[in-house]
Amino acid sequence: MRRWRLTVPLVRSLTFLGLGGALLLLTPHAAQAQNMSLSGWFHVIWADPLAGANDEPGPRYVVVDDQERWTEIVLDEKQVRALGGPLALNRKRVTIAGEWERNLPGSREGLSVHQRRLRVGGLQVEPDVGAPLATSQTASFAVSGAQPWATILCRFGDSVNPPSWPKEYFAGLLAGAYPGLDHYWREVSYNKVNIMGSVVVGWYTLSQPRSYYVYDQNGDGFPDLDFQRAKDDCTAAADADVFFPQFVGVNLMFDRSLGCCAWGGSTTMTRDGQTRAYRVTWEPPGGYVNQDVIAHEMGHGFGLPHSSGPYNATYDSDWDVMSGGGECTPPDATYGCIGVHTISFHKDFLGWIPPERKYVATPGSSQTIVLGRLRRLSSSNYLMAQIPIGGSTTRFYTVEMRRAVGYDKQIPHNAVVIHKVNTTLSDRVAHVVDVDNNGNPNDAGAEWRPGETFSDPTNGITVTVNARVPGGFSVTISSQ
């Protein structure tokens, strides 16, 4: 396959160039930045801090080259929005140019590849034609059919105590009966997705102590997970028991803390003679004691970002497993907090909402529709409405109807819920519309009921909830 290389003149202003269907981004200081060039597969890995974490890190971006070496990269996310944002790059093959960050401990030359981050000066998306992973790493994130995961249980080499969770616990967590994740994903996807064929293997004892995998990588005094080392050694330990190409994803379960967080995303990996993309989660004990956390991380594996309220908080929305996950009242006796459904934008992103069940408003229209409850396909009513903002394809409102039954019994109330979406953001792409602006997207300010109207006069958009009708709510949507 032909490789596209960065051979254009360096400039000092933001420039976008089309090269054979690819795009190149240069930052304002690209002339100083491009002393390193790297090609490989771009992956997004999302962080989810657990109790007691020191911070709330944003997504991590890595490029995995053809020798399966990882390089963490630092993007100017605002400038990448012109390419569709980081989510549009996820699982694409890219060539990047930049320089090693200089604010890490020690000299640049003395740092290992596990401690260096490349600050991007230029980025080019390579053509998909001829790419070995084209079928699984195209722009579409539609997910359907059997999606088996290999769940691998790994102990650090210096662990003393035996794990507290037997294999049977994880087998139940993945099971086809409530609240097992096979059962969960079937309901959430309208039975378009299952995880049949998933397996649990381990516990394996790794050859290295925890400090080999979790250590201070950026000089802030806090330990960070070395994703590549943890993934490489844990999957290698299971290699004799797992034929990896049979699985779409890998849950890596560790017996002790991984630093701040649980993590979910994807990587490119060669196992059993095949190179392909795998969905991956990295889970400490705090990650697998609650079903909603594992569902959340698997959602990241499917390619979903977080959602939230319109505030500076990631986990404040109980309308989405990809945010707060639900109210958790009461928790399950075995599997803790049980996740609610994900929101309509995410279901549509994964290809689960049939086109005929999605209403898209056109400019100059006013239409009354019936929104059915998002959790099921029991009627012919719409499952969601999408209202473009100013004719944009990346900025729009979504409207959905939620009812507190099934997994959604943990949502705040029965109501119509509106999200404002910007797909070019790096994370928290969808924000709950909360008109009282009180910092709580789970109260009456975010719940739309008969007789209430949401209005965006700047963009000429109104959503009126008319009445409750059989199977849902009658809603009138107007767009100038």
Protein backbone atom coordinates (compact mmCIF):
# COMPACT_ATOMS: atom_id res chain seq x y z
CA MET A 1 0.00 0.00 0.00
CA ARG A 2 1.29 3.44 -0.90
CA ARG A 3 2.20 5.60 2.11
CA TRP A 4 1.45 9.31 2.08
CA ARG A 5 4.28 11.35 3.51
CA LEU A 6 4.61 14.90 4.74
CA THR A 7 6.67 16.62 2.07
CA VAL A 8 4.93 19.99 1.73
CA PRO A 9 6.64 23.28 2.65
CA LEU A 10 6.35 24.33 6.27
CA VAL A 11 4.25 27.38 7.04
CA ARG A 12 3.48 29.46 10.12
CA SER A 13 -0.29 29.76 9.73
CA LEU A 14 -3.12 27.30 10.09
CA THR A 15 -3.43 25.53 6.75
CA PHE A 16 -5.59 22.71 5.43
CA LEU A 17 -4.42 20.96 2.27
CA GLY A 18 -6.09 18.18 0.30
CA LEU A 19 -3.69 15.45 -0.83
CA GLY A 20 -5.19 12.59 -2.81
CA GLY A 21 -8.36 12.68 -0.73
CA ALA A 22 -6.43 13.13 2.53
CA LEU A 23 -6.18 16.25 4.66
CA LEU A 24 -3.18 17.88 6.28
CA LEU A 25 -3.34 20.13 9.33
CA LEU A 26 -0.50 22.48 10.24
CA THR A 27 -0.47 24.39 13.52
CA PRO A 28 0.61 28.03 13.78
CA HIS A 29 4.12 26.96 14.85
CA ALA A 30 4.52 24.00 12.50
CA ALA A 31 7.85 25.30 11.24
CA GLN A 32 9.42 24.60 14.61
CA ALA A 33 7.34 21.52 15.36
CA GLN A 34 7.99 19.09 12.52
CA ASN A 35 11.15 17.27 13.49
CA MET A 36 9.47 13.86 13.81
CA SER A 37 7.23 11.93 11.42
CA LEU A 38 5.10 8.92 12.34
CA SER A 39 2.49 6.80 10.52
CA GLY A 40 0.02 4.43 12.10
CA TRP A 41 -3.50 3.90 13.38
CA PHE A 42 -5.10 6.67 15.45
CA HIS A 43 -7.01 5.55 18.55
CA VAL A 44 -8.95 7.40 21.25
CA ILE A 45 -8.85 6.04 24.82
CA TRP A 46 -11.21 7.57 27.38
CA ALA A 47 -10.39 7.95 31.08
CA ASP A 48 -12.94 7.41 33.82
CA PRO A 49 -11.69 8.45 37.28
CA LEU A 50 -12.70 6.28 40.20
CA ALA A 51 -13.24 7.27 43.82
CA GLY A 52 -10.27 9.15 45.23
CA ALA A 53 -8.70 10.01 41.87
CA ASN A 54 -6.56 13.13 41.82
CA ASP A 55 -7.99 14.58 38.62
CA GLU A 56 -10.35 14.04 35.71
CA PRO A 57 -8.14 13.55 32.64
CA GLY A 58 -9.57 13.95 29.19
CA PRO A 59 -9.25 11.44 26.36
CA ARG A 60 -5.82 10.11 25.44
CA TYR A 61 -4.78 9.90 21.80
CA VAL A 62 -2.33 7.27 20.59
CA VAL A 63 -0.89 6.21 17.27
CA VAL A 64 0.03 2.55 16.86
CA ASP A 65 2.58 2.00 14.07
CA ASP A 66 3.17 -1.08 11.92
CA GLN A 67 5.60 -2.50 14.49
CA GLU A 68 2.81 -2.17 17.10
CA ARG A 69 4.67 0.57 18.96
CA TRP A 70 2.49 3.08 20.78
CA THR A 71 3.07 6.82 20.75
CA GLU A 72 0.86 9.08 22.83
CA ILE A 73 0.17 12.30 20.94
CA VAL A 74 -1.00 15.74 22.03
CA LEU A 75 -3.45 17.51 19.72
CA ASP A 76 -4.71 21.07 19.48
CA GLU A 77 -8.30 19.87 19.66
CA LYS A 78 -9.82 23.17 18.51
CA GLN A 79 -7.84 23.14 15.28
CA VAL A 80 -8.58 19.47 14.65
CA ARG A 81 -12.29 20.33 14.65
CA ALA A 82 -11.90 21.43 11.05
CA LEU A 83 -11.17 17.78 10.24
CA GLY A 84 -14.32 16.70 12.07
CA GLY A 85 -12.74 16.52 15.51
CA PRO A 86 -10.82 13.69 17.17
CA LEU A 87 -13.78 11.32 16.91
CA ALA A 88 -13.66 11.58 13.12
CA LEU A 89 -10.02 10.42 13.25
CA ASN A 90 -10.64 7.49 15.57
CA ARG A 91 -9.38 4.19 14.08
CA LYS A 92 -8.17 5.92 10.91
CA ARG A 93 -4.68 5.60 9.52
CA VAL A 94 -2.77 8.86 9.81
CA THR A 95 0.64 10.37 9.29
CA ILE A 96 1.63 12.99 11.84
CA ALA A 97 4.56 15.38 12.22
CA GLY A 98 5.60 17.11 15.40
CA GLU A 99 8.10 17.30 18.22
CA TRP A 100 8.55 15.56 21.54
CA GLU A 101 7.16 17.47 24.49
CA ARG A 102 9.93 19.11 26.50
CA ASN A 103 8.11 19.46 29.83
CA LEU A 104 8.55 15.84 30.85
CA PRO A 105 11.03 14.71 33.52
CA GLY A 106 14.63 14.26 32.42
CA SER A 107 16.06 15.06 29.02
CA ARG A 108 14.23 14.26 25.81
CA GLU A 109 16.93 11.83 24.78
CA GLY A 110 16.84 10.04 28.14
CA LEU A 111 13.13 9.26 28.09
CA SER A 112 11.83 5.84 27.14
CA VAL A 113 9.19 5.44 24.43
CA HIS A 114 6.74 4.83 27.28
CA GLN A 115 7.33 8.34 28.68
CA ARG A 116 7.42 10.49 25.56
CA ARG A 117 4.44 12.31 24.06
CA LEU A 118 4.50 13.77 20.57
CA ARG A 119 2.97 17.21 20.17
CA VAL A 120 1.37 17.28 16.73
CA GLY A 121 2.34 19.97 14.25
CA GLY A 122 0.83 18.36 11.16
CA LEU A 123 -1.66 15.58 10.62
CA GLN A 124 -2.70 13.80 7.45
CA VAL A 125 -5.43 11.19 7.08
CA GLU A 126 -4.34 8.45 4.70
CA PRO A 127 -6.66 6.87 2.13
CA ASP A 128 -8.56 3.76 3.16
CA VAL A 129 -8.00 2.04 -0.19
CA GLY A 130 -5.82 -1.02 0.30
CA ALA A 131 -5.61 -0.58 4.07
CA PRO A 132 -5.57 -3.96 5.83
CA LEU A 133 -8.11 -2.78 8.40
CA ALA A 134 -10.37 -0.87 6.03
CA THR A 135 -13.44 -2.97 6.78
CA SER A 136 -13.23 -2.35 10.51
CA GLN A 137 -11.75 1.16 10.60
CA THR A 138 -13.79 3.19 8.14
CA ALA A 139 -15.77 6.27 9.05
CA SER A 140 -18.82 4.19 9.98
CA PHE A 141 -19.09 3.08 13.60
CA ALA A 142 -22.17 0.95 13.04
CA VAL A 143 -22.12 -2.12 15.29
CA SER A 144 -24.37 -5.13 14.75
CA GLY A 145 -24.54 -8.87 15.31
CA ALA A 146 -22.43 -10.94 17.67
CA GLN A 147 -19.73 -8.90 19.42
CA PRO A 148 -17.86 -11.41 21.60
CA TRP A 149 -15.32 -10.14 24.13
CA ALA A 150 -12.46 -12.00 25.77
CA THR A 151 -12.30 -11.02 29.43
CA ILE A 152 -8.78 -11.66 30.75
CA LEU A 153 -8.03 -11.64 34.47
CA CYS A 154 -4.46 -10.61 35.37
CA ARG A 155 -2.60 -10.27 38.69
CA PHE A 156 0.47 -8.09 39.04
CA GLY A 157 3.66 -10.01 39.65
CA ASP A 158 4.10 -8.60 43.17
CA SER A 159 0.50 -9.16 44.28
CA VAL A 160 0.34 -11.08 47.56
CA ASN A 161 -3.33 -11.62 48.21
CA PRO A 162 -5.45 -13.84 45.95
CA PRO A 163 -8.07 -12.00 43.85
CA SER A 164 -11.40 -11.39 45.58
CA TRP A 165 -13.46 -12.07 42.45
CA PRO A 166 -13.67 -15.59 40.96
CA LYS A 167 -14.11 -16.29 37.27
CA GLU A 168 -17.78 -17.10 37.95
CA TYR A 169 -18.38 -13.48 38.97
CA PHE A 170 -17.22 -12.24 35.58
CA ALA A 171 -19.12 -14.96 33.73
CA GLY A 172 -22.30 -13.68 35.41
CA LEU A 173 -21.37 -10.09 34.57
CA LEU A 174 -21.26 -11.03 30.86
CA ALA A 175 -24.33 -13.29 30.92
CA GLY A 176 -27.54 -13.22 28.93
CA ALA A 177 -29.77 -12.80 32.00
CA TYR A 178 -30.42 -9.51 33.80
CA PRO A 179 -28.21 -7.65 34.65
CA GLY A 180 -25.58 -9.42 32.54
CA LEU A 181 -24.01 -7.39 29.77
CA ASP A 182 -25.23 -9.65 26.97
CA HIS A 183 -28.77 -9.02 28.21
CA TYR A 184 -28.02 -5.30 28.64
CA TRP A 185 -26.60 -4.68 25.16
CA ARG A 186 -29.46 -6.62 23.55
CA GLU A 187 -32.02 -4.29 25.14
CA VAL A 188 -30.03 -1.12 24.51
CA SER A 189 -29.45 -1.97 20.81
CA TYR A 190 -32.98 -3.24 20.07
CA ASN A 191 -31.49 -6.72 19.79
CA LYS A 192 -29.09 -5.63 17.05
CA VAL A 193 -26.05 -6.45 19.19
CA ASN A 194 -25.19 -9.33 21.49
CA ILE A 195 -21.97 -10.50 23.09
CA MET A 196 -22.58 -14.22 22.69
CA GLY A 197 -19.37 -16.22 22.47
CA SER A 198 -17.62 -14.11 25.11
CA VAL A 199 -15.21 -15.95 27.40
CA VAL A 200 -13.50 -15.39 30.75
CA VAL A 201 -9.94 -16.65 31.29
CA GLY A 202 -7.41 -16.28 34.14
CA TRP A 203 -6.36 -15.33 36.74
CA TYR A 204 -2.85 -15.07 35.24
CA THR A 205 0.13 -13.79 37.23
CA LEU A 206 2.18 -11.30 35.22
CA SER A 207 5.96 -11.47 35.22
CA GLN A 208 6.39 -7.83 36.30
CA PRO A 209 5.35 -5.91 39.45
CA ARG A 210 2.65 -3.28 39.40
CA SER A 211 5.27 -0.49 39.29
CA TYR A 212 6.27 -1.68 35.79
CA TYR A 213 2.78 -0.92 34.49
CA VAL A 214 1.68 1.99 36.69
CA TYR A 215 4.22 4.77 37.24
CA ASP A 216 4.67 8.54 36.95
CA GLN A 217 5.04 9.23 33.24
CA ASN A 218 4.61 13.01 33.09
CA GLY A 219 6.30 14.36 36.21
CA ASP A 220 3.14 15.36 38.09
CA GLY A 221 3.83 13.01 41.00
CA PHE A 222 0.90 10.71 40.25
CA PRO A 223 1.06 7.23 38.73
CA ASP A 224 -0.26 6.64 35.21
CA LEU A 225 -1.16 3.43 33.43
CA ASP A 226 1.17 2.27 30.67
CA PHE A 227 -1.54 1.01 28.33
CA GLN A 228 0.78 -0.82 25.98
CA ARG A 229 2.71 -2.73 28.62
CA ALA A 230 -0.50 -3.75 30.42
CA LYS A 231 -2.18 -4.81 27.17
CA ASP A 232 0.86 -6.63 25.80
CA ASP A 233 1.62 -8.67 28.91
CA CYS A 234 -1.95 -9.48 29.92
CA THR A 235 -2.93 -10.65 26.41
CA ALA A 236 0.35 -12.59 26.09
CA ALA A 237 -0.42 -14.42 29.32
CA ALA A 238 -3.75 -15.55 27.86
CA ASP A 239 -2.48 -16.31 24.36
CA ALA A 240 -2.46 -20.09 24.82
CA ASP A 241 -6.11 -20.02 25.93
CA VAL A 242 -7.55 -17.37 23.60
CA PHE A 243 -7.68 -17.28 19.79
CA PHE A 244 -7.93 -13.52 19.58
CA PRO A 245 -9.35 -13.16 16.03
CA GLN A 246 -12.55 -14.77 17.31
CA PHE A 247 -13.23 -11.69 19.44
CA VAL A 248 -13.97 -8.04 18.70
CA GLY A 249 -12.96 -6.79 22.12
CA VAL A 250 -10.78 -7.52 25.12
CA ASN A 251 -11.60 -6.64 28.72
CA LEU A 252 -8.37 -6.53 30.74
CA MET A 253 -9.21 -6.98 34.41
CA PHE A 254 -6.44 -6.28 36.93
CA ASP A 255 -6.37 -7.14 40.61
CA ARG A 256 -5.15 -3.73 41.84
CA SER A 257 -5.47 -0.02 41.06
CA LEU A 258 -4.35 1.32 37.67
CA GLY A 259 -3.75 4.83 38.95
CA CYS A 260 -6.58 7.30 38.60
CA CYS A 261 -8.95 5.49 36.36
CA ALA A 262 -10.68 2.79 34.45
CA TRP A 263 -10.14 3.15 30.69
CA GLY A 264 -11.92 2.22 27.48
CA GLY A 265 -11.16 2.62 23.78
CA SER A 266 -9.40 0.63 21.12
CA THR A 267 -6.03 -0.40 19.74
CA THR A 268 -4.45 -2.11 16.76
CA MET A 269 -2.97 -5.44 17.77
CA THR A 270 -1.37 -8.47 16.10
CA ARG A 271 -2.35 -11.77 17.67
CA ASP A 272 -2.53 -15.27 16.23
CA GLY A 273 -1.19 -14.11 12.89
CA GLN A 274 -3.76 -11.36 12.27
CA THR A 275 -3.44 -7.57 12.61
CA ARG A 276 -6.68 -5.82 13.34
CA ALA A 277 -8.45 -3.31 15.55
CA TYR A 278 -9.69 -4.49 18.93
CA ARG A 279 -11.96 -2.76 21.39
CA VAL A 280 -10.18 -2.71 24.74
CA THR A 281 -10.95 -1.83 28.35
CA TRP A 282 -8.42 -1.60 31.19
CA GLU A 283 -10.21 -2.23 34.49
CA PRO A 284 -9.05 -2.00 38.12
CA PRO A 285 -11.24 -3.54 40.86
CA GLY A 286 -13.14 -0.26 41.20
CA GLY A 287 -14.16 -0.69 37.58
CA TYR A 288 -15.74 -4.12 37.75
CA VAL A 289 -17.63 -3.98 41.04
CA ASN A 290 -20.41 -2.04 39.25
CA GLN A 291 -22.10 -3.23 36.06
CA ASP A 292 -22.59 0.32 34.80
CA VAL A 293 -18.84 0.99 34.78
CA ILE A 294 -18.11 -2.05 32.60
CA ALA A 295 -21.02 -1.12 30.31
CA HIS A 296 -19.61 2.42 30.16
CA GLU A 297 -16.10 1.23 29.24
CA MET A 298 -17.45 -1.21 26.64
CA GLY A 299 -19.38 1.76 25.22
CA HIS A 300 -16.05 3.53 24.78
CA GLY A 301 -14.82 0.36 23.09
CA PHE A 302 -17.70 0.67 20.62
CA GLY A 303 -16.49 4.24 19.95
CA LEU A 304 -18.86 6.26 22.15
CA PRO A 305 -17.64 9.43 23.90
CA HIS A 306 -19.10 10.80 27.13
CA SER A 307 -22.22 12.91 27.33
CA SER A 308 -23.08 15.30 30.16
CA GLY A 309 -25.04 18.30 31.28
CA PRO A 310 -24.09 21.73 29.90
CA TYR A 311 -21.65 22.27 32.77
CA ASN A 312 -18.00 21.52 33.41
CA ALA A 313 -18.70 17.98 34.64
CA THR A 314 -18.49 14.66 32.84
CA TYR A 315 -20.59 12.39 35.05
CA ASP A 316 -23.56 14.59 36.00
CA SER A 317 -26.21 13.16 33.66
CA ASP A 318 -28.28 10.20 34.87
CA TRP A 319 -29.88 9.96 31.42
CA ASP A 320 -26.91 8.10 29.92
CA VAL A 321 -24.69 5.17 30.79
CA MET A 322 -21.93 7.18 29.08
CA SER A 323 -22.24 9.85 31.77
CA GLY A 324 -23.52 9.32 35.33
CA GLY A 325 -25.06 6.00 34.39
CA GLY A 326 -28.26 6.31 36.41
CA GLU A 327 -29.40 6.89 39.97
CA CYS A 328 -28.31 3.50 41.41
CA THR A 329 -31.24 3.23 43.83
CA PRO A 330 -31.06 0.51 44.93
CA PRO A 331 -27.86 -1.18 43.69
CA ASP A 332 -27.90 -4.82 42.65
CA ALA A 333 -26.80 -7.16 45.45
CA THR A 334 -24.07 -8.70 43.26
CA TYR A 335 -23.24 -6.27 40.47
CA GLY A 336 -23.75 -2.90 42.14
CA CYS A 337 -24.99 0.03 40.09
CA ILE A 338 -26.80 -1.05 36.91
CA GLY A 339 -26.50 1.15 33.83
CA VAL A 340 -29.36 2.94 32.08
CA HIS A 341 -29.62 3.13 28.30
CA THR A 342 -27.41 5.40 26.24
CA ILE A 343 -28.92 8.46 24.56
CA SER A 344 -30.49 8.64 21.10
CA PHE A 345 -27.48 10.35 19.51
CA HIS A 346 -25.22 7.48 20.59
CA LYS A 347 -27.68 4.83 19.44
CA ASP A 348 -27.90 6.54 16.07
CA PHE A 349 -24.09 6.86 15.94
CA LEU A 350 -23.83 3.07 16.32
CA GLY A 351 -26.49 2.44 13.66
CA TRP A 352 -29.16 1.08 16.01
CA ILE A 353 -32.00 3.49 15.19
CA PRO A 354 -33.72 2.53 11.92
CA PRO A 355 -33.76 5.47 9.46
CA GLU A 356 -37.56 5.45 9.35
CA ARG A 357 -37.68 5.91 13.12
CA LYS A 358 -35.57 9.09 13.05
CA TYR A 359 -37.21 12.40 12.22
CA VAL A 360 -34.88 15.04 10.76
CA ALA A 361 -36.28 18.58 10.66
CA THR A 362 -35.80 20.59 7.50
CA PRO A 363 -35.42 24.40 7.36
CA GLY A 364 -38.73 26.20 7.22
CA SER A 365 -40.70 23.23 8.56
CA SER A 366 -43.15 22.74 11.42
CA GLN A 367 -44.12 19.13 12.04
CA THR A 368 -46.03 17.32 14.76
CA ILE A 369 -44.73 13.82 15.43
CA VAL A 370 -45.13 11.15 18.08
CA LEU A 371 -41.98 10.23 19.99
CA GLY A 372 -42.04 6.72 21.39
CA ARG A 373 -39.97 5.63 24.36
CA LEU A 374 -36.34 5.28 23.41
CA ARG A 375 -35.81 1.93 25.09
CA ARG A 376 -37.90 -0.21 22.73
CA LEU A 377 -39.14 -0.68 19.16
CA SER A 378 -42.65 -1.69 20.17
CA SER A 379 -44.49 0.77 17.91
CA SER A 380 -44.01 2.66 14.66
CA ASN A 381 -43.42 5.97 16.47
CA TYR A 382 -40.21 7.92 16.08
CA LEU A 383 -37.38 7.08 18.49
CA MET A 384 -35.60 10.40 18.04
CA ALA A 385 -35.76 13.73 16.31
CA GLN A 386 -32.76 15.64 15.01
CA ILE A 387 -32.90 19.39 14.40
CA PRO A 388 -29.90 20.87 12.51
CA ILE A 389 -28.61 24.19 13.83
CA GLY A 390 -28.14 26.63 10.98
CA GLY A 391 -28.12 23.84 8.42
CA SER A 392 -25.05 22.23 10.02
CA THR A 393 -24.41 18.49 9.86
CA THR A 394 -22.19 18.60 12.96
CA ARG A 395 -24.30 20.82 15.26
CA PHE A 396 -27.89 19.92 16.06
CA TYR A 397 -30.42 19.15 18.76
CA THR A 398 -31.77 15.69 19.47
CA VAL A 399 -35.11 15.01 21.09
CA GLU A 400 -36.02 11.71 22.75
CA MET A 401 -38.66 10.32 25.10
CA ARG A 402 -37.58 8.35 28.17
CA ARG A 403 -39.65 6.14 30.44
CA ALA A 404 -38.36 4.64 33.68
CA VAL A 405 -38.76 0.93 32.94
CA GLY A 406 -36.30 -1.87 32.12
CA TYR A 407 -32.71 -0.71 32.45
CA ASP A 408 -34.07 2.82 32.25
CA LYS A 409 -35.77 2.43 35.62
CA GLN A 410 -32.76 4.33 37.02
CA ILE A 411 -33.35 7.52 34.95
CA PRO A 412 -34.63 10.58 36.87
CA HIS A 413 -38.24 10.68 35.55
CA ASN A 414 -40.54 9.97 32.59
CA ALA A 415 -40.01 12.90 30.24
CA VAL A 416 -38.90 14.24 26.89
CA VAL A 417 -35.18 15.05 26.98
CA ILE A 418 -33.28 17.33 24.61
CA HIS A 419 -29.54 17.29 23.92
CA LYS A 420 -27.44 19.87 22.10
CA VAL A 421 -24.82 18.06 20.01
CA ASN A 422 -21.53 19.18 18.47
CA THR A 423 -19.79 16.19 16.89
CA THR A 424 -16.48 18.05 16.43
CA LEU A 425 -15.80 18.28 20.17
CA SER A 426 -13.17 15.99 21.65
CA ASP A 427 -15.54 14.61 24.30
CA ARG A 428 -18.94 15.25 25.88
CA VAL A 429 -20.30 15.70 22.38
CA ALA A 430 -23.94 15.80 23.58
CA HIS A 431 -25.09 18.12 26.40
CA VAL A 432 -28.44 17.88 28.15
CA VAL A 433 -30.48 21.05 27.59
CA ASP A 434 -31.10 22.29 31.14
CA VAL A 435 -32.90 25.63 31.02
CA ASP A 436 -32.76 26.49 34.73
CA ASN A 437 -28.94 26.48 34.58
CA ASN A 438 -28.69 25.29 38.18
CA GLY A 439 -25.91 22.75 37.67
CA ASN A 440 -28.27 19.74 37.80
CA PRO A 441 -29.28 18.22 34.45
CA ASN A 442 -31.53 15.64 36.14
CA ASP A 443 -34.28 17.88 37.54
CA ALA A 444 -37.32 19.63 36.12
CA GLY A 445 -35.21 22.07 34.12
CA ALA A 446 -34.15 19.21 31.84
CA GLU A 447 -37.49 17.39 31.72
CA TRP A 448 -39.99 18.47 29.07
CA ARG A 449 -43.64 17.63 29.70
CA PRO A 450 -47.01 18.43 28.08
CA GLY A 451 -47.61 22.17 27.80
CA GLU A 452 -43.91 23.07 27.83
CA THR A 453 -41.88 24.56 24.96
CA PHE A 454 -38.15 24.70 24.46
CA SER A 455 -37.08 27.68 22.35
CA ASP A 456 -33.79 28.63 20.71
CA PRO A 457 -34.73 32.01 19.20
CA THR A 458 -31.24 32.65 17.86
CA ASN A 459 -31.51 29.65 15.56
CA GLY A 460 -35.27 29.75 15.07
CA ILE A 461 -35.95 26.37 16.73
CA THR A 462 -38.84 25.40 19.00
CA VAL A 463 -39.88 22.06 20.47
CA THR A 464 -43.35 21.89 22.05
CA VAL A 465 -44.52 18.86 24.01
CA ASN A 466 -48.23 18.77 23.28
CA ALA A 467 -49.65 15.78 25.12
CA ARG A 468 -49.08 12.24 26.22
CA VAL A 469 -50.58 9.87 23.66
CA PRO A 470 -50.66 6.07 23.32
CA GLY A 471 -47.08 4.88 22.97
CA GLY A 472 -45.36 8.20 23.66
CA PHE A 473 -45.65 11.99 23.47
CA SER A 474 -46.99 14.25 20.74
CA VAL A 475 -44.31 16.83 19.95
CA THR A 476 -44.30 19.75 17.51
CA ILE A 477 -40.88 20.67 16.10
CA SER A 478 -40.38 23.95 14.21
CA SER A 479 -37.21 25.04 12.43
CA GLN A 480 -36.89 28.31 10.53
